Amino acid sequence: MRGNPATTESALAAQAEALDVIFREYARIAALNTDICSVQTYMRFALKAQTQCRVTIETWNGQEPRAQRPSPNPPRTSSLALARRRI
């Protein structure tokens, strides 16, 4: 798979499609549940599949996955966190 870009591209396309199907199925199951624990569990799985699908598509497009890119706006420490440090 390393030497053939066409094979790599088709594998990434298939992976993205499979992850999208997994996302939609878990989201559908979550919507049908009434138990909050089940809804949270299925949505957590769905969102993990969606995130992995995004990373796969970014890889397929030759972009660096978002988690590895430097943040344009580094997170600031909240005033609540500063207040806790003072205590």
Protein backbone atom coordinates (compact mmCIF):
# COMPACT_ATOMS: atom_id res chain seq x y z
CA MET A 1 0.00 0.00 0.00
CA ARG A 2 2.93 2.38 0.63
CA GLY A 3 4.24 2.34 -2.91
CA ASN A 4 0.97 2.70 -4.77
CA PRO A 5 -0.89 6.02 -4.27
CA ALA A 6 -4.03 4.69 -5.95
CA THR A 7 -4.24 1.80 -3.48
CA THR A 8 -3.67 4.15 -0.55
CA GLU A 9 -6.33 6.54 -1.83
CA SER A 10 -8.91 3.79 -2.29
CA ALA A 11 -8.15 2.39 1.19
CA LEU A 12 -8.59 5.83 2.80
CA ALA A 13 -11.81 6.39 0.86
CA ALA A 14 -13.18 3.04 2.02
CA GLN A 15 -12.15 3.77 5.61
CA ALA A 16 -13.84 7.19 5.54
CA GLU A 17 -17.02 5.65 4.13
CA ALA A 18 -17.06 2.88 6.75
CA LEU A 19 -16.52 5.38 9.58
CA ASP A 20 -19.35 7.54 8.24
CA VAL A 21 -21.66 4.51 8.23
CA ILE A 22 -20.61 3.69 11.81
CA PHE A 23 -21.30 7.29 12.87
CA ARG A 24 -24.76 7.33 11.30
CA GLU A 25 -25.70 3.94 12.78
CA TYR A 26 -24.63 4.83 16.32
CA ALA A 27 -26.36 8.22 16.08
CA ARG A 28 -29.54 6.47 14.88
CA ILE A 29 -29.40 3.97 17.75
CA ALA A 30 -28.81 6.79 20.24
CA ALA A 31 -31.85 8.65 18.92
CA LEU A 32 -34.02 5.57 19.47
CA ASN A 33 -32.96 5.08 23.11
CA THR A 34 -34.67 6.64 26.09
CA ASP A 35 -32.10 5.67 28.72
CA ILE A 36 -29.66 8.59 29.11
CA CYS A 37 -26.69 6.29 29.80
CA SER A 38 -27.32 4.42 26.55
CA VAL A 39 -27.75 7.66 24.62
CA GLN A 40 -24.46 9.00 25.99
CA THR A 41 -22.62 5.77 25.25
CA TYR A 42 -23.88 5.50 21.67
CA MET A 43 -23.26 9.20 20.98
CA ARG A 44 -19.74 8.92 22.37
CA PHE A 45 -19.06 6.05 19.94
CA ALA A 46 -20.69 8.00 17.11
CA LEU A 47 -18.62 11.10 17.74
CA LYS A 48 -15.40 9.09 17.99
CA ALA A 49 -16.18 7.55 14.59
CA GLN A 50 -16.94 11.01 13.19
CA THR A 51 -13.65 12.39 14.51
CA GLN A 52 -11.70 9.48 13.05
CA CYS A 53 -13.50 9.99 9.74
CA ARG A 54 -12.39 13.64 9.72
CA VAL A 55 -8.79 12.63 10.43
CA THR A 56 -8.95 10.04 7.64
CA ILE A 57 -10.27 12.62 5.17
CA GLU A 58 -7.58 15.11 6.19
CA THR A 59 -4.94 12.42 5.65
CA TRP A 60 -6.50 11.54 2.31
CA ASN A 61 -6.35 15.20 1.25
CA GLY A 62 -2.72 15.45 2.32
CA GLN A 63 -3.42 17.77 5.25
CA GLU A 64 -1.87 17.43 8.66
CA PRO A 65 -4.56 16.14 11.07
CA ARG A 66 -5.98 18.93 13.23
CA ALA A 67 -4.75 17.39 16.50
CA GLN A 68 -1.15 17.71 15.30
CA ARG A 69 -1.44 21.29 14.02
CA PRO A 70 -0.44 24.10 16.35
CA SER A 71 -3.40 26.02 17.70
CA PRO A 72 -3.75 29.53 16.22
CA ASN A 73 -5.12 30.76 19.55
CA PRO A 74 -3.48 29.02 22.50
CA PRO A 75 -5.95 28.37 25.33
CA ARG A 76 -5.93 30.93 28.09
CA THR A 77 -6.17 30.03 31.73
CA SER A 78 -9.62 30.89 33.02
CA SER A 79 -10.08 33.21 35.95
CA LEU A 80 -11.63 30.30 37.87
CA ALA A 81 -8.44 28.28 37.42
CA LEU A 82 -6.36 31.26 38.56
CA ALA A 83 -8.58 31.69 41.62
CA ARG A 84 -8.13 28.02 42.52
CA ARG A 85 -4.35 28.38 42.32
CA ARG A 86 -4.43 31.25 44.79
CA ILE A 87 -6.29 29.19 47.39
